[in-house]
Amino acid sequence: MRKAPEEVVWEGRFIVARKRGRWEYVSRARGIRAALIVAIDQGHVLLVEQFRVPMGLRSLELPAGLVGDADDADEETETAARRELEEETGYRAGRMEDCGQFFSSPGMLSESFYLFRASGLTKVGDGGGTDSEDITVHRVPLDEVPAFVEERRRAGVGIDAKLLLLLGASIIGRG
C-alpha cells in the first residue's frame, strides 16, 4: 500500500479526497495547517462552542484555526495560534508554548494540528470569532471540565475528540 501511487479523487478549495491503493482519505488542500490552543487562565480553561456544518450541530472545542487563514501564506504557526486565540476568545496570551504536532484521525485524514499551551492570559475583547462563526466562549474551572462537558453533551452539543486532553484523568481514573 505504501508504494501504490496516490490519486486525487476530488479537490475543493480546502480539502482533497485521495486514494492510495484501496485506502481512501482526506487531506487539507495546499498544505494548509491548523493550530489548536489549550488556554489556561488562573485554574480555568477557555473552550469555544460553534455550529459545525459536517455535524449539523454546535460543537464544544478548544480554540483553533487555520494557519495562513488571514491571507498570509507565510504565517508562522505560533502567530496563527495567537491570532486565533484572541479572535475566538477575546484573550491574548503572554506566553505560548509549542507542544508539538498531532494527527486528528490518522485512519481517515492526513490532517495534523500543532498544539499550543497558552498562559499569562489577558482579556482584550469579547471574542466570538468572525461575523460568520457565531462562537460562544466558555471559561471553565479545570476541575469542573468533566461535568461541564457532560452538561453540554446532554444539551445536544457535539464534543470534539480533542477535549479528551482535558478529560483523560477523569476517564482513566474510573478503572
N, C-alpha and C. Protein backbone atom coordinates (compact mmCIF):
# COMPACT_ATOMS: atom_id res chain seq x y z
N MET A 1 0.83 -1.19 0.00
CA MET A 1 0.00 0.00 0.00
C MET A 1 0.88 1.26 0.00
N ARG A 2 1.99 1.24 0.72
CA ARG A 2 2.87 2.41 0.78
C ARG A 2 3.44 2.78 -0.58
N LYS A 3 3.62 1.79 -1.43
CA LYS A 3 4.24 2.04 -2.74
C LYS A 3 3.21 2.35 -3.82
N ALA A 4 1.93 2.15 -3.52
CA ALA A 4 0.91 2.44 -4.52
C ALA A 4 0.88 3.95 -4.79
N PRO A 5 0.65 4.33 -6.03
CA PRO A 5 0.61 5.77 -6.34
C PRO A 5 -0.62 6.43 -5.71
N GLU A 6 -0.45 7.68 -5.34
CA GLU A 6 -1.56 8.44 -4.77
C GLU A 6 -2.36 9.06 -5.90
N GLU A 7 -3.68 8.98 -5.78
CA GLU A 7 -4.57 9.51 -6.81
C GLU A 7 -5.51 10.53 -6.17
N VAL A 8 -5.67 11.68 -6.79
CA VAL A 8 -6.63 12.69 -6.32
C VAL A 8 -7.99 12.33 -6.92
N VAL A 9 -8.97 12.07 -6.05
CA VAL A 9 -10.32 11.70 -6.48
C VAL A 9 -11.17 12.95 -6.68
N TRP A 10 -11.00 13.92 -5.77
CA TRP A 10 -11.76 15.16 -5.83
C TRP A 10 -10.97 16.24 -5.09
N GLU A 11 -11.02 17.47 -5.58
CA GLU A 11 -10.31 18.54 -4.90
C GLU A 11 -11.19 19.78 -4.83
N GLY A 12 -11.31 20.32 -3.62
CA GLY A 12 -12.04 21.57 -3.40
C GLY A 12 -11.07 22.64 -2.97
N ARG A 13 -11.61 23.74 -2.49
CA ARG A 13 -10.76 24.86 -2.07
C ARG A 13 -9.95 24.53 -0.81
N PHE A 14 -10.54 23.76 0.12
CA PHE A 14 -9.89 23.49 1.39
C PHE A 14 -9.51 22.04 1.64
N ILE A 15 -10.16 21.10 0.95
CA ILE A 15 -9.86 19.68 1.17
C ILE A 15 -9.67 18.93 -0.15
N VAL A 16 -8.99 17.79 -0.03
CA VAL A 16 -8.74 16.93 -1.19
C VAL A 16 -9.06 15.50 -0.77
N ALA A 17 -9.87 14.81 -1.55
CA ALA A 17 -10.13 13.39 -1.34
C ALA A 17 -9.10 12.62 -2.16
N ARG A 18 -8.40 11.70 -1.50
CA ARG A 18 -7.31 10.98 -2.15
C ARG A 18 -7.52 9.47 -2.02
N LYS A 19 -6.80 8.75 -2.87
CA LYS A 19 -6.85 7.29 -2.83
C LYS A 19 -5.45 6.75 -3.07
N ARG A 20 -5.05 5.80 -2.28
CA ARG A 20 -3.76 5.12 -2.44
C ARG A 20 -4.07 3.62 -2.31
N GLY A 21 -3.99 2.92 -3.41
CA GLY A 21 -4.43 1.52 -3.41
C GLY A 21 -5.92 1.50 -3.12
N ARG A 22 -6.33 0.73 -2.12
CA ARG A 22 -7.74 0.67 -1.73
C ARG A 22 -8.08 1.68 -0.63
N TRP A 23 -7.07 2.37 -0.10
CA TRP A 23 -7.25 3.28 1.02
C TRP A 23 -7.71 4.65 0.54
N GLU A 24 -8.85 5.11 1.06
CA GLU A 24 -9.36 6.44 0.75
C GLU A 24 -9.20 7.33 1.97
N TYR A 25 -8.80 8.58 1.75
CA TYR A 25 -8.64 9.51 2.87
C TYR A 25 -8.74 10.95 2.38
N VAL A 26 -8.79 11.85 3.32
CA VAL A 26 -8.94 13.27 3.03
C VAL A 26 -7.75 14.02 3.59
N SER A 27 -7.33 15.05 2.88
CA SER A 27 -6.25 15.91 3.37
C SER A 27 -6.64 17.36 3.14
N ARG A 28 -5.93 18.25 3.79
CA ARG A 28 -6.12 19.68 3.56
C ARG A 28 -5.47 20.04 2.22
N ALA A 29 -6.09 20.94 1.50
CA ALA A 29 -5.55 21.41 0.23
C ALA A 29 -4.39 22.37 0.47
N ARG A 30 -3.51 22.47 -0.47
CA ARG A 30 -2.43 23.45 -0.49
C ARG A 30 -1.54 23.43 0.75
N GLY A 31 -1.48 22.30 1.46
CA GLY A 31 -0.61 22.20 2.63
C GLY A 31 -1.08 23.04 3.81
N ILE A 32 -2.36 23.35 3.85
CA ILE A 32 -2.92 24.15 4.95
C ILE A 32 -2.69 23.42 6.27
N ARG A 33 -2.25 24.17 7.27
CA ARG A 33 -2.02 23.61 8.61
C ARG A 33 -3.03 24.22 9.58
N ALA A 34 -3.13 23.60 10.76
CA ALA A 34 -4.03 24.11 11.79
C ALA A 34 -3.28 24.27 13.11
N ALA A 35 -3.76 25.22 13.92
CA ALA A 35 -3.21 25.43 15.26
C ALA A 35 -4.34 25.27 16.27
N LEU A 36 -4.06 24.57 17.35
CA LEU A 36 -5.02 24.30 18.42
C LEU A 36 -4.44 24.83 19.71
N ILE A 37 -5.26 25.47 20.53
CA ILE A 37 -4.75 26.13 21.72
C ILE A 37 -5.43 25.63 22.99
N VAL A 38 -4.63 25.20 23.96
CA VAL A 38 -5.12 24.92 25.31
C VAL A 38 -4.78 26.17 26.10
N ALA A 39 -5.79 26.98 26.39
CA ALA A 39 -5.58 28.26 27.07
C ALA A 39 -5.99 28.14 28.53
N ILE A 40 -5.01 28.24 29.41
CA ILE A 40 -5.24 28.09 30.85
C ILE A 40 -5.13 29.47 31.51
N ASP A 41 -6.18 29.84 32.25
CA ASP A 41 -6.24 31.15 32.89
C ASP A 41 -6.64 30.99 34.35
N GLN A 42 -5.68 31.08 35.24
CA GLN A 42 -5.93 31.03 36.68
C GLN A 42 -6.84 29.86 37.07
N GLY A 43 -6.45 28.66 36.67
CA GLY A 43 -7.22 27.46 37.02
C GLY A 43 -8.45 27.22 36.18
N HIS A 44 -8.61 27.97 35.10
CA HIS A 44 -9.73 27.80 34.18
C HIS A 44 -9.17 27.51 32.79
N VAL A 45 -9.98 26.84 31.97
CA VAL A 45 -9.61 26.62 30.58
C VAL A 45 -10.66 27.32 29.70
N LEU A 46 -10.20 27.85 28.59
CA LEU A 46 -11.11 28.51 27.65
C LEU A 46 -11.56 27.50 26.59
N LEU A 47 -12.86 27.35 26.45
CA LEU A 47 -13.46 26.48 25.44
C LEU A 47 -14.35 27.33 24.55
N VAL A 48 -14.54 26.88 23.33
CA VAL A 48 -15.42 27.58 22.41
C VAL A 48 -16.49 26.62 21.91
N GLU A 49 -17.63 27.20 21.58
CA GLU A 49 -18.75 26.41 21.06
C GLU A 49 -19.25 27.11 19.82
N GLN A 50 -19.38 26.33 18.73
CA GLN A 50 -19.84 26.91 17.47
C GLN A 50 -20.51 25.86 16.62
N PHE A 51 -21.35 26.30 15.70
CA PHE A 51 -22.03 25.38 14.78
C PHE A 51 -21.01 24.82 13.80
N ARG A 52 -21.08 23.51 13.58
CA ARG A 52 -20.21 22.84 12.61
C ARG A 52 -21.07 22.15 11.57
N VAL A 53 -20.97 22.59 10.33
CA VAL A 53 -21.79 22.08 9.23
C VAL A 53 -21.71 20.56 9.08
N PRO A 54 -20.49 19.93 9.09
CA PRO A 54 -20.44 18.48 8.88
C PRO A 54 -21.22 17.68 9.93
N MET A 55 -21.30 18.20 11.15
CA MET A 55 -22.02 17.51 12.23
C MET A 55 -23.49 17.91 12.25
N GLY A 56 -23.79 19.10 11.73
CA GLY A 56 -25.16 19.59 11.76
C GLY A 56 -25.59 20.07 13.13
N LEU A 57 -24.63 20.39 13.99
CA LEU A 57 -24.93 20.88 15.32
C LEU A 57 -23.76 21.67 15.89
N ARG A 58 -24.00 22.27 17.05
CA ARG A 58 -22.93 23.02 17.71
C ARG A 58 -21.93 22.04 18.28
N SER A 59 -20.68 22.49 18.37
CA SER A 59 -19.59 21.64 18.84
C SER A 59 -18.80 22.37 19.92
N LEU A 60 -18.47 21.66 21.00
CA LEU A 60 -17.63 22.20 22.07
C LEU A 60 -16.20 21.81 21.76
N GLU A 61 -15.31 22.81 21.73
CA GLU A 61 -13.95 22.60 21.25
C GLU A 61 -12.94 23.46 22.00
N LEU A 62 -11.69 23.16 21.79
CA LEU A 62 -10.61 24.06 22.16
C LEU A 62 -10.51 25.10 21.05
N PRO A 63 -10.09 26.34 21.35
CA PRO A 63 -9.90 27.32 20.29
C PRO A 63 -8.89 26.80 19.25
N ALA A 64 -9.16 27.08 17.99
CA ALA A 64 -8.30 26.57 16.93
C ALA A 64 -8.55 27.36 15.65
N GLY A 65 -7.66 27.19 14.70
CA GLY A 65 -7.86 27.83 13.42
C GLY A 65 -6.79 27.43 12.43
N LEU A 66 -6.97 27.89 11.22
CA LEU A 66 -6.05 27.56 10.14
C LEU A 66 -4.88 28.52 10.13
N VAL A 67 -3.72 27.99 9.86
CA VAL A 67 -2.51 28.81 9.70
C VAL A 67 -2.56 29.41 8.30
N GLY A 68 -2.36 30.71 8.22
CA GLY A 68 -2.45 31.38 6.92
C GLY A 68 -3.85 31.81 6.58
N ASP A 69 -4.78 31.65 7.52
CA ASP A 69 -6.17 32.00 7.29
C ASP A 69 -6.36 33.50 7.07
N ALA A 70 -5.41 34.29 7.55
CA ALA A 70 -5.51 35.75 7.41
C ALA A 70 -4.84 36.21 6.11
N ASP A 71 -4.92 35.40 5.07
CA ASP A 71 -4.33 35.70 3.76
C ASP A 71 -2.83 35.94 3.82
N ASP A 72 -2.17 35.20 4.71
CA ASP A 72 -0.72 35.29 4.84
C ASP A 72 -0.17 33.87 4.72
N ALA A 73 0.20 33.48 3.52
CA ALA A 73 0.67 32.12 3.26
C ALA A 73 1.92 31.78 4.05
N ASP A 74 2.69 32.79 4.46
CA ASP A 74 3.93 32.57 5.21
C ASP A 74 3.75 32.71 6.72
N GLU A 75 2.50 32.76 7.18
CA GLU A 75 2.24 32.95 8.60
C GLU A 75 2.86 31.82 9.42
N GLU A 76 3.51 32.18 10.52
CA GLU A 76 4.07 31.19 11.44
C GLU A 76 2.95 30.55 12.24
N THR A 77 3.14 29.29 12.61
CA THR A 77 2.12 28.56 13.35
C THR A 77 1.78 29.23 14.67
N GLU A 78 2.80 29.68 15.40
CA GLU A 78 2.54 30.35 16.69
C GLU A 78 1.79 31.66 16.49
N THR A 79 2.10 32.39 15.44
CA THR A 79 1.40 33.63 15.14
C THR A 79 -0.08 33.35 14.90
N ALA A 80 -0.37 32.29 14.16
CA ALA A 80 -1.76 31.90 13.89
C ALA A 80 -2.46 31.50 15.19
N ALA A 81 -1.76 30.76 16.06
CA ALA A 81 -2.35 30.35 17.33
C ALA A 81 -2.71 31.58 18.17
N ARG A 82 -1.82 32.54 18.23
CA ARG A 82 -2.09 33.77 18.98
C ARG A 82 -3.27 34.54 18.37
N ARG A 83 -3.29 34.63 17.05
CA ARG A 83 -4.37 35.34 16.36
C ARG A 83 -5.71 34.67 16.61
N GLU A 84 -5.75 33.35 16.45
CA GLU A 84 -6.99 32.61 16.63
C GLU A 84 -7.50 32.66 18.07
N LEU A 85 -6.58 32.57 19.04
CA LEU A 85 -6.98 32.65 20.44
C LEU A 85 -7.68 33.98 20.71
N GLU A 86 -7.08 35.05 20.27
CA GLU A 86 -7.67 36.37 20.51
C GLU A 86 -8.98 36.55 19.74
N GLU A 87 -9.00 36.13 18.49
CA GLU A 87 -10.19 36.26 17.65
C GLU A 87 -11.37 35.48 18.22
N GLU A 88 -11.11 34.24 18.63
CA GLU A 88 -12.19 33.38 19.09
C GLU A 88 -12.61 33.62 20.53
N THR A 89 -11.64 33.92 21.42
CA THR A 89 -11.96 34.00 22.84
C THR A 89 -11.89 35.41 23.43
N GLY A 90 -11.19 36.32 22.77
CA GLY A 90 -11.01 37.66 23.32
C GLY A 90 -9.86 37.75 24.31
N TYR A 91 -9.04 36.69 24.40
CA TYR A 91 -7.90 36.67 25.32
C TYR A 91 -6.60 36.70 24.52
N ARG A 92 -5.62 37.41 25.06
CA ARG A 92 -4.27 37.46 24.49
C ARG A 92 -3.33 36.70 25.42
N ALA A 93 -2.46 35.88 24.85
CA ALA A 93 -1.53 35.06 25.64
C ALA A 93 -0.23 35.81 25.89
N GLY A 94 0.22 35.81 27.15
CA GLY A 94 1.53 36.34 27.48
C GLY A 94 2.61 35.35 27.10
N ARG A 95 2.25 34.07 27.17
CA ARG A 95 3.20 33.00 26.82
C ARG A 95 2.49 31.95 25.98
N MET A 96 3.17 31.48 24.93
CA MET A 96 2.62 30.45 24.05
C MET A 96 3.68 29.36 23.92
N GLU A 97 3.38 28.18 24.41
CA GLU A 97 4.31 27.06 24.40
C GLU A 97 3.93 26.05 23.32
N ASP A 98 4.84 25.72 22.44
CA ASP A 98 4.63 24.76 21.37
C ASP A 98 4.71 23.34 21.95
N CYS A 99 3.62 22.61 21.86
CA CYS A 99 3.55 21.24 22.41
C CYS A 99 3.70 20.17 21.33
N GLY A 100 3.89 20.57 20.07
CA GLY A 100 4.14 19.61 19.01
C GLY A 100 3.00 19.41 18.04
N GLN A 101 3.27 18.54 17.08
CA GLN A 101 2.32 18.22 16.01
C GLN A 101 1.59 16.93 16.36
N PHE A 102 0.28 16.92 16.10
CA PHE A 102 -0.56 15.75 16.35
C PHE A 102 -1.45 15.52 15.14
N PHE A 103 -1.88 14.28 14.95
CA PHE A 103 -2.73 13.93 13.82
C PHE A 103 -4.15 13.67 14.32
N SER A 104 -5.12 14.24 13.61
CA SER A 104 -6.51 14.25 14.06
C SER A 104 -7.19 12.88 14.05
N SER A 105 -7.17 12.21 12.95
CA SER A 105 -7.82 10.91 12.79
C SER A 105 -7.06 10.14 11.72
N PRO A 106 -5.90 9.56 12.09
CA PRO A 106 -4.95 9.02 11.11
C PRO A 106 -5.49 7.95 10.16
N GLY A 107 -6.58 7.30 10.49
CA GLY A 107 -7.13 6.29 9.60
C GLY A 107 -7.96 6.87 8.48
N MET A 108 -8.33 8.17 8.61
CA MET A 108 -9.20 8.78 7.62
C MET A 108 -8.66 10.10 7.07
N LEU A 109 -7.84 10.78 7.86
CA LEU A 109 -7.35 12.10 7.47
C LEU A 109 -5.84 12.16 7.54
N SER A 110 -5.25 12.90 6.63
CA SER A 110 -3.82 13.17 6.77
C SER A 110 -3.62 14.46 7.56
N GLU A 111 -4.71 15.14 7.92
CA GLU A 111 -4.65 16.41 8.63
C GLU A 111 -3.93 16.28 9.97
N SER A 112 -3.13 17.29 10.26
CA SER A 112 -2.50 17.37 11.57
C SER A 112 -2.77 18.76 12.12
N PHE A 113 -2.50 18.91 13.40
CA PHE A 113 -2.60 20.23 14.03
C PHE A 113 -1.41 20.40 14.95
N TYR A 114 -1.07 21.65 15.19
CA TYR A 114 0.01 22.00 16.09
C TYR A 114 -0.62 22.50 17.38
N LEU A 115 -0.30 21.85 18.49
CA LEU A 115 -0.89 22.17 19.79
C LEU A 115 -0.03 23.19 20.53
N PHE A 116 -0.68 24.22 21.05
CA PHE A 116 -0.01 25.24 21.85
C PHE A 116 -0.70 25.34 23.20
N ARG A 117 0.10 25.60 24.23
CA ARG A 117 -0.43 25.87 25.57
C ARG A 117 -0.24 27.36 25.82
N ALA A 118 -1.36 28.06 26.00
CA ALA A 118 -1.33 29.50 26.23
C ALA A 118 -1.51 29.77 27.72
N SER A 119 -0.70 30.69 28.23
CA SER A 119 -0.83 31.10 29.63
C SER A 119 -0.53 32.59 29.73
N GLY A 120 -0.67 33.13 30.94
CA GLY A 120 -0.48 34.57 31.12
C GLY A 120 -1.50 35.33 30.32
N LEU A 121 -2.77 34.92 30.41
CA LEU A 121 -3.81 35.48 29.56
C LEU A 121 -4.31 36.83 30.06
N THR A 122 -4.63 37.70 29.11
CA THR A 122 -5.22 39.00 29.38
C THR A 122 -6.45 39.15 28.51
N LYS A 123 -7.57 39.50 29.12
CA LYS A 123 -8.80 39.70 28.34
C LYS A 123 -8.69 41.04 27.62
N VAL A 124 -8.79 41.00 26.28
CA VAL A 124 -8.64 42.21 25.47
C VAL A 124 -9.87 42.49 24.60
N GLY A 125 -10.84 41.60 24.62
CA GLY A 125 -12.03 41.77 23.79
C GLY A 125 -13.08 40.74 24.14
N ASP A 126 -14.15 40.74 23.35
CA ASP A 126 -15.25 39.81 23.60
C ASP A 126 -15.04 38.44 22.98
N GLY A 127 -14.19 38.34 21.97
CA GLY A 127 -14.06 37.07 21.25
C GLY A 127 -15.28 36.85 20.38
N GLY A 128 -15.59 35.61 20.12
CA GLY A 128 -16.75 35.29 19.30
C GLY A 128 -16.43 35.00 17.85
N GLY A 129 -15.16 35.15 17.47
CA GLY A 129 -14.76 34.84 16.10
C GLY A 129 -15.17 35.91 15.11
N THR A 130 -15.15 35.53 13.85
CA THR A 130 -15.56 36.44 12.78
C THR A 130 -17.07 36.47 12.70
N ASP A 131 -17.61 37.36 11.89
CA ASP A 131 -19.07 37.50 11.78
C ASP A 131 -19.76 36.20 11.40
N SER A 132 -19.10 35.34 10.64
CA SER A 132 -19.73 34.11 10.17
C SER A 132 -19.60 32.95 11.16
N GLU A 133 -18.85 33.13 12.25
CA GLU A 133 -18.58 31.99 13.14
C GLU A 133 -19.55 31.83 14.31
N ASP A 134 -20.07 32.90 14.88
CA ASP A 134 -21.01 32.82 15.99
C ASP A 134 -20.49 31.92 17.12
N ILE A 135 -19.33 32.27 17.65
CA ILE A 135 -18.67 31.47 18.68
C ILE A 135 -19.09 31.94 20.07
N THR A 136 -19.43 30.99 20.93
CA THR A 136 -19.69 31.25 22.34
C THR A 136 -18.45 30.81 23.11
N VAL A 137 -17.96 31.68 23.99
CA VAL A 137 -16.76 31.38 24.78
C VAL A 137 -17.18 30.89 26.15
N HIS A 138 -16.55 29.82 26.62
CA HIS A 138 -16.78 29.28 27.96
C HIS A 138 -15.45 29.30 28.72
N ARG A 139 -15.45 29.87 29.91
CA ARG A 139 -14.28 29.86 30.80
C ARG A 139 -14.65 28.91 31.95
N VAL A 140 -14.06 27.72 31.92
CA VAL A 140 -14.50 26.62 32.79
C VAL A 140 -13.39 26.26 33.80
N PRO A 141 -13.73 26.18 35.09
CA PRO A 141 -12.72 25.71 36.06
C PRO A 141 -12.23 24.32 35.65
N LEU A 142 -10.93 24.12 35.70
CA LEU A 142 -10.35 22.84 35.27
C LEU A 142 -10.97 21.64 35.97
N ASP A 143 -11.25 21.76 37.26
CA ASP A 143 -11.82 20.61 37.97
C ASP A 143 -13.29 20.38 37.66
N GLU A 144 -13.92 21.28 36.91
CA GLU A 144 -15.32 21.12 36.53
C GLU A 144 -15.50 20.75 35.06
N VAL A 145 -14.39 20.56 34.34
CA VAL A 145 -14.48 20.26 32.91
C VAL A 145 -15.30 19.00 32.63
N PRO A 146 -15.08 17.87 33.33
CA PRO A 146 -15.89 16.68 33.01
C PRO A 146 -17.39 16.93 33.16
N ALA A 147 -17.81 17.59 34.22
CA ALA A 147 -19.24 17.87 34.42
C ALA A 147 -19.76 18.85 33.36
N PHE A 148 -18.95 19.84 33.02
CA PHE A 148 -19.36 20.81 32.01
C PHE A 148 -19.53 20.14 30.64
N VAL A 149 -18.59 19.29 30.28
CA VAL A 149 -18.67 18.57 29.00
C VAL A 149 -19.93 17.71 28.97
N GLU A 150 -20.21 17.02 30.07
CA GLU A 150 -21.41 16.17 30.12
C GLU A 150 -22.67 17.02 30.03
N GLU A 151 -22.68 18.17 30.67
CA GLU A 151 -23.82 19.09 30.60
C GLU A 151 -24.07 19.54 29.16
N ARG A 152 -23.01 19.91 28.45
CA ARG A 152 -23.16 20.35 27.06
C ARG A 152 -23.60 19.18 26.17
N ARG A 153 -23.07 17.98 26.44
CA ARG A 153 -23.48 16.78 25.67
C ARG A 153 -24.98 16.55 25.84
N ARG A 154 -25.47 16.63 27.08
CA ARG A 154 -26.91 16.44 27.34
C ARG A 154 -27.75 17.52 26.66
N ALA A 155 -27.15 18.70 26.42
CA ALA A 155 -27.85 19.78 25.74
C ALA A 155 -27.83 19.61 24.22
N GLY A 156 -27.25 18.51 23.74
CA GLY A 156 -27.23 18.24 22.30
C GLY A 156 -26.03 18.80 21.56
N VAL A 157 -25.02 19.23 22.30
CA VAL A 157 -23.81 19.77 21.69
C VAL A 157 -22.83 18.64 21.40
N GLY A 158 -22.23 18.63 20.22
CA GLY A 158 -21.20 17.64 19.88
C GLY A 158 -19.93 17.97 20.64
N ILE A 159 -19.18 16.94 21.02
CA ILE A 159 -17.95 17.13 21.79
C ILE A 159 -16.76 16.73 20.91
N ASP A 160 -15.89 17.69 20.65
CA ASP A 160 -14.69 17.43 19.85
C ASP A 160 -13.79 16.45 20.59
N ALA A 161 -13.29 15.46 19.89
CA ALA A 161 -12.43 14.42 20.50
C ALA A 161 -11.17 15.01 21.14
N LYS A 162 -10.73 16.17 20.68
CA LYS A 162 -9.52 16.77 21.25
C LYS A 162 -9.72 17.21 22.69
N LEU A 163 -10.99 17.26 23.14
CA LEU A 163 -11.24 17.57 24.55
C LEU A 163 -10.84 16.41 25.46
N LEU A 164 -10.56 15.25 24.88
CA LEU A 164 -10.04 14.14 25.69
C LEU A 164 -8.76 14.54 26.41
N LEU A 165 -8.04 15.51 25.86
CA LEU A 165 -6.84 16.04 26.51
C LEU A 165 -7.17 16.52 27.91
N LEU A 166 -8.34 17.13 28.09
CA LEU A 166 -8.76 17.65 29.39
C LEU A 166 -9.51 16.63 30.22
N LEU A 167 -10.01 15.58 29.58
CA LEU A 167 -10.83 14.58 30.28
C LEU A 167 -10.06 13.33 30.67
N GLY A 168 -8.83 13.20 30.18
CA GLY A 168 -8.06 11.97 30.36
C GLY A 168 -8.06 11.42 31.77
N ALA A 169 -7.71 12.23 32.75
CA ALA A 169 -7.62 11.75 34.14
C ALA A 169 -8.97 11.29 34.65
N SER A 170 -10.06 11.98 34.28
CA SER A 170 -11.38 11.59 34.78
C SER A 170 -11.84 10.28 34.13
N ILE A 171 -11.40 10.00 32.91
CA ILE A 171 -11.78 8.76 32.23
C ILE A 171 -10.90 7.60 32.72
N ILE A 172 -9.61 7.81 32.78
CA ILE A 172 -8.68 6.75 33.19
C ILE A 172 -8.88 6.40 34.66
N GLY A 173 -9.19 7.40 35.48
CA GLY A 173 -9.35 7.18 36.92
C GLY A 173 -10.58 6.39 37.29
N ARG A 174 -11.44 6.07 36.34
CA ARG A 174 -12.67 5.32 36.62
C ARG A 174 -12.42 3.83 36.81
N GLY A 175 -11.23 3.35 36.42
CA GLY A 175 -10.94 1.92 36.44
C GLY A 175 -10.70 1.43 37.80
